[in-house]
Structures are given as structure tokens and as C-alpha cells.
Amino acid sequence: MNKKMKLIIVDYYGVLTRGSYRETCMWLAKKYKIPYAKLYDVIYYKYFNQAAMGKISEKKSLEGPIQELGLNETPESILKKHISFQVTNKSVFKLMFKLQKEGYKILILSKNTPPQFKAALKKLGTRKYFRNIINTFDLRLAKGSKKTMQFVLRKFKVKPQQAVFIDDQDFNLIEAKKMGVKTIHYQGFRDFQKKLSKYLSSFTKASEDKA
């Protein structure tokens, strides 16, 4: 087994980049004096998740919260602000790009509506640096589902034990972990780097033991 047979799956919003619906909901919470938890529950869980699965349009996913929460906004104003928060997480970006150059397969995995995803990729120039990018919207599957992970493993021809999945939302990692995929709940760069280094070292050792 060599480095090219190993797969590192990294979440886009919240890991490779900074700026997600957390920041958008924080902005709205401050502006409208509405509890952040309530905003996130309505905007992200109730509406955005449906749009990211193709069950409702992106426009409806923004119109719903505006009406339900009584926000003096338009879908366009929320989306513009949401995209403005998105910046590259430079530490993670540099590490992933370095590992890709060393021969590791890097997969950027995201759950998003096509317009938002396209806008972020263009703004940050992500496609210039990473070849493998999947938006689970195109699969019509939940990001954290077993079927999504099975699809990814088949596509890249790796066994669960040969893959690492990094995400800032721990519920996306549950099924992958059950399958034997190494998982890292991203909560900060230093902790993430330490855990990833440990996993990659174990891959290398396993390769040497089989040699």
C-alpha cells in the first residue's frame, strides 16, 4: 500500500474554509436580538438541509426563515452576507495541499446548494488547487449517510481503514466511523493536526509491516 491509495476526506465549510451558517446566524442574532440557537435550528436544520438535498429550492430555503422569524431581509441579502463570511482556513488549506503534493488523495466533501457552492468555489479559487470535489447535493444523499461513504470509498477504490474523514459537525462522522473509517471532529487546527498526523503515521507503519 502506498500513499496514493490513501484518502483524506475533508469538509469544505467549517474545515477547509471558515464562514458557514454559524456566522450568518450570529450576524442575524445580533441584528434582530433573536437567540442564536433558534436561528440556527430554523435556518440550517429546518430549511437549508432540505435545500441541500434538493427537496426545496434555495430561494424557498431562505424565504421560509424570513417569514417564520419575521426578518426584514430578502433571500438575496442573506445570501450575499452569508457568502461574505467565507474565507479560506489557511492552516488547513496549506496542510491539505502539501499532503496532496505528497501523493495523498484529498477529497473536498460538501453539503450545499449548487449556487452557494459554485459561488464559494469561485470566490476562494478552490478548484485551482484541489482536483477532487464532491457536493452531496449531486448525489441526492445526506452527507453523513452510509450510502454517501460507500459511494466515496468505491469511487476512490479504498477500504474504510485506508480513509480519514474530517468534519466540524460530529453527526456527519457517525456512520463513517461505524464502517471503520478514521474520523476527526474538527474543533481547531492544532488538535486536528495532531490527530491526523497520528493516523497517517499508522498508515505508514501498516505499509512497512506488510512490506
Protein backbone atom coordinates (compact mmCIF):
# COMPACT_ATOMS: atom_id res chain seq x y z
CA MET A 1 0.00 0.00 0.00
CA ASN A 2 1.40 3.41 -0.96
CA LYS A 3 0.38 6.97 -0.24
CA LYS A 4 -1.75 7.26 -3.39
CA MET A 5 -4.01 4.52 -2.03
CA LYS A 6 -4.97 6.59 0.99
CA LEU A 7 -7.84 9.04 1.06
CA ILE A 8 -8.31 12.14 3.20
CA ILE A 9 -11.90 13.41 3.11
CA VAL A 10 -12.12 16.99 4.30
CA ASP A 11 -15.25 19.05 4.88
CA TYR A 12 -15.42 22.32 2.94
CA TYR A 13 -17.43 24.74 5.10
CA GLY A 14 -16.06 24.79 8.62
CA VAL A 15 -12.79 22.95 7.96
CA LEU A 16 -11.12 23.89 4.67
CA THR A 17 -12.88 27.23 4.84
CA ARG A 18 -14.20 29.48 7.57
CA GLY A 19 -17.62 31.06 7.40
CA SER A 20 -20.78 28.99 7.44
CA TYR A 21 -24.36 29.30 8.62
CA ARG A 22 -22.97 29.66 12.13
CA GLU A 23 -21.55 33.08 11.26
CA THR A 24 -24.67 34.01 9.31
CA CYS A 25 -26.89 33.13 12.26
CA MET A 26 -24.61 35.02 14.65
CA TRP A 27 -24.99 38.10 12.45
CA LEU A 28 -28.78 37.76 12.39
CA ALA A 29 -28.91 37.07 16.15
CA LYS A 30 -27.07 40.29 16.86
CA LYS A 31 -29.11 42.30 14.37
CA TYR A 32 -32.56 41.05 15.39
CA LYS A 33 -31.97 40.09 19.04
CA ILE A 34 -33.15 36.55 18.34
CA PRO A 35 -31.43 33.64 20.14
CA TYR A 36 -28.71 32.12 18.00
CA ALA A 37 -29.87 28.56 18.71
CA LYS A 38 -33.35 29.33 17.42
CA LEU A 39 -32.00 30.94 14.27
CA TYR A 40 -29.65 28.04 13.55
CA ASP A 41 -32.37 25.48 14.17
CA VAL A 42 -34.76 27.18 11.73
CA ILE A 43 -32.32 28.35 9.06
CA TYR A 44 -29.91 25.43 8.97
CA TYR A 45 -31.75 22.35 10.19
CA LYS A 46 -35.31 23.10 9.11
CA TYR A 47 -34.75 24.79 5.74
CA PHE A 48 -31.16 24.60 4.49
CA ASN A 49 -30.92 20.83 4.95
CA GLN A 50 -33.94 20.38 2.70
CA ALA A 51 -32.44 22.61 0.02
CA ALA A 52 -29.10 20.79 0.23
CA MET A 53 -30.95 17.55 -0.51
CA GLY A 54 -32.82 19.09 -3.44
CA LYS A 55 -36.18 18.87 -1.70
CA ILE A 56 -36.86 22.62 -1.88
CA SER A 57 -35.25 25.43 -3.85
CA GLU A 58 -32.51 27.60 -2.41
CA LYS A 59 -34.81 30.59 -2.64
CA LYS A 60 -37.50 28.84 -0.62
CA SER A 61 -34.91 27.78 1.97
CA LEU A 62 -34.28 31.48 2.63
CA GLU A 63 -37.85 32.74 2.22
CA GLY A 64 -39.04 30.24 4.83
CA PRO A 65 -36.89 31.57 7.69
CA ILE A 66 -37.56 35.18 6.69
CA GLN A 67 -41.30 34.64 7.02
CA GLU A 68 -41.16 32.36 10.06
CA LEU A 69 -38.76 34.55 12.04
CA GLY A 70 -40.07 37.92 10.86
CA LEU A 71 -36.76 39.06 9.36
CA ASN A 72 -36.60 42.29 7.41
CA GLU A 73 -34.37 40.68 4.78
CA THR A 74 -34.54 39.31 1.27
CA PRO A 75 -33.12 35.94 0.16
CA GLU A 76 -30.55 37.91 -1.81
CA SER A 77 -29.43 40.00 1.18
CA ILE A 78 -28.98 36.93 3.41
CA LEU A 79 -27.13 35.01 0.72
CA LYS A 80 -24.82 37.93 -0.03
CA LYS A 81 -23.95 38.30 3.65
CA HIS A 82 -23.54 34.54 4.05
CA ILE A 83 -21.02 34.33 1.20
CA SER A 84 -19.14 37.38 2.53
CA PHE A 85 -18.23 35.42 5.67
CA GLN A 86 -16.48 32.66 3.73
CA VAL A 87 -12.68 32.73 3.70
CA THR A 88 -10.01 30.05 3.34
CA ASN A 89 -8.81 28.36 6.51
CA LYS A 90 -5.18 28.89 5.59
CA SER A 91 -3.65 26.42 8.04
CA VAL A 92 -5.85 23.54 6.88
CA PHE A 93 -5.55 24.57 3.24
CA LYS A 94 -1.73 24.55 3.33
CA LEU A 95 -1.63 21.17 5.06
CA MET A 96 -4.09 19.55 2.64
CA PHE A 97 -2.30 20.97 -0.40
CA LYS A 98 1.02 19.72 0.96
CA LEU A 99 -0.35 16.22 1.54
CA GLN A 100 -1.88 16.19 -1.94
CA LYS A 101 1.53 17.01 -3.43
CA GLU A 102 3.00 14.13 -1.41
CA GLY A 103 0.62 11.72 -3.10
CA TYR A 104 -2.36 11.50 -0.78
CA LYS A 105 -5.77 11.66 -2.39
CA ILE A 106 -7.64 14.66 -1.00
CA LEU A 107 -11.42 14.80 -1.40
CA ILE A 108 -13.30 18.00 -0.61
CA LEU A 109 -16.76 16.87 0.50
CA SER A 110 -19.56 19.37 1.00
CA LYS A 111 -23.29 19.54 1.51
CA ASN A 112 -24.67 22.63 -0.18
CA THR A 113 -26.99 24.05 -2.78
CA PRO A 114 -25.33 24.35 -6.21
CA PRO A 115 -25.46 28.19 -6.43
CA GLN A 116 -23.89 28.67 -2.98
CA PHE A 117 -21.28 26.00 -3.62
CA LYS A 118 -20.36 27.42 -7.02
CA ALA A 119 -20.08 30.93 -5.57
CA ALA A 120 -17.78 29.80 -2.75
CA LEU A 121 -15.54 27.74 -5.05
CA LYS A 122 -15.20 30.69 -7.41
CA LYS A 123 -14.59 33.24 -4.65
CA LEU A 124 -11.89 31.15 -2.97
CA GLY A 125 -10.42 29.60 -6.13
CA THR A 126 -10.59 26.12 -4.62
CA ARG A 127 -10.64 24.25 -7.94
CA LYS A 128 -7.22 25.67 -8.82
CA TYR A 129 -5.68 23.62 -6.02
CA PHE A 130 -7.83 20.54 -5.47
CA ARG A 131 -8.96 18.10 -8.16
CA ASN A 132 -11.46 16.02 -6.21
CA ILE A 133 -14.53 17.93 -5.07
CA ILE A 134 -17.99 16.48 -4.40
CA ASN A 135 -21.18 18.26 -3.40
CA THR A 136 -23.53 15.68 -1.90
CA PHE A 137 -26.44 17.61 -3.46
CA ASP A 138 -25.44 15.95 -6.74
CA LEU A 139 -25.76 12.53 -5.11
CA ARG A 140 -29.12 13.35 -3.51
CA LEU A 141 -27.75 11.75 -0.38
CA ALA A 142 -27.24 13.00 3.16
CA LYS A 143 -23.61 13.92 3.73
CA GLY A 144 -23.27 11.79 6.84
CA SER A 145 -25.06 8.75 5.42
CA LYS A 146 -23.63 5.28 4.98
CA LYS A 147 -24.55 5.40 1.29
CA THR A 148 -22.50 8.55 0.77
CA MET A 149 -19.45 6.99 2.36
CA GLN A 150 -19.90 3.79 0.38
CA PHE A 151 -20.03 5.85 -2.83
CA VAL A 152 -16.86 7.73 -1.92
CA LEU A 153 -14.92 4.61 -0.99
CA ARG A 154 -15.93 2.87 -4.23
CA LYS A 155 -15.09 5.90 -6.32
CA PHE A 156 -11.58 6.18 -4.92
CA LYS A 157 -11.07 2.44 -4.59
CA VAL A 158 -10.06 2.45 -0.94
CA LYS A 159 -11.07 0.38 2.05
CA PRO A 160 -12.66 2.12 5.06
CA GLN A 161 -9.46 1.58 7.06
CA GLN A 162 -7.50 3.49 4.40
CA ALA A 163 -9.55 6.67 4.72
CA VAL A 164 -9.77 9.60 7.13
CA PHE A 165 -12.86 11.84 7.29
CA ILE A 166 -12.62 15.32 8.88
CA ASP A 167 -15.74 17.37 9.64
CA ASP A 168 -16.66 20.13 12.07
CA GLN A 169 -20.09 18.61 12.69
CA ASP A 170 -19.70 15.37 14.59
CA PHE A 171 -23.03 13.91 13.46
CA ASN A 172 -21.63 13.68 9.91
CA LEU A 173 -18.95 11.28 11.17
CA ILE A 174 -21.09 8.68 12.93
CA GLU A 175 -21.82 6.31 10.02
CA ALA A 176 -18.31 6.59 8.59
CA LYS A 177 -16.83 5.64 11.95
CA LYS A 178 -19.14 2.61 12.19
CA MET A 179 -17.80 1.46 8.83
CA GLY A 180 -14.20 1.62 10.02
CA VAL A 181 -13.23 4.99 8.52
CA LYS A 182 -10.91 7.04 10.73
CA THR A 183 -12.72 10.22 11.79
CA ILE A 184 -11.68 13.58 13.20
CA HIS A 185 -14.15 16.06 14.68
CA TYR A 186 -12.53 19.37 13.73
CA GLN A 187 -12.51 21.78 16.67
CA GLY A 188 -9.29 23.64 15.99
CA PHE A 189 -6.17 23.28 13.89
CA ARG A 190 -3.68 22.05 16.49
CA ASP A 191 -5.87 19.21 17.75
CA PHE A 192 -6.78 18.28 14.17
CA GLN A 193 -3.15 18.28 13.01
CA LYS A 194 -2.10 16.08 15.92
CA LYS A 195 -4.83 13.51 15.27
CA LEU A 196 -4.29 13.47 11.51
CA SER A 197 -0.54 13.01 11.96
CA LYS A 198 -1.22 10.04 14.23
CA TYR A 199 -3.50 8.41 11.65
CA LEU A 200 -1.10 8.99 8.77
CA SER A 201 1.75 7.53 10.81
CA SER A 202 -0.34 4.43 11.46
CA PHE A 203 -0.95 4.09 7.71
CA THR A 204 2.78 4.30 7.03
CA LYS A 205 3.60 1.75 9.74
CA ALA A 206 0.98 -0.65 8.38
CA SER A 207 2.53 -0.34 4.93
CA GLU A 208 6.02 -1.04 6.27
CA ASP A 209 4.81 -4.05 8.24
CA LYS A 210 3.29 -5.55 5.09
CA ALA A 211 6.38 -4.86 3.00
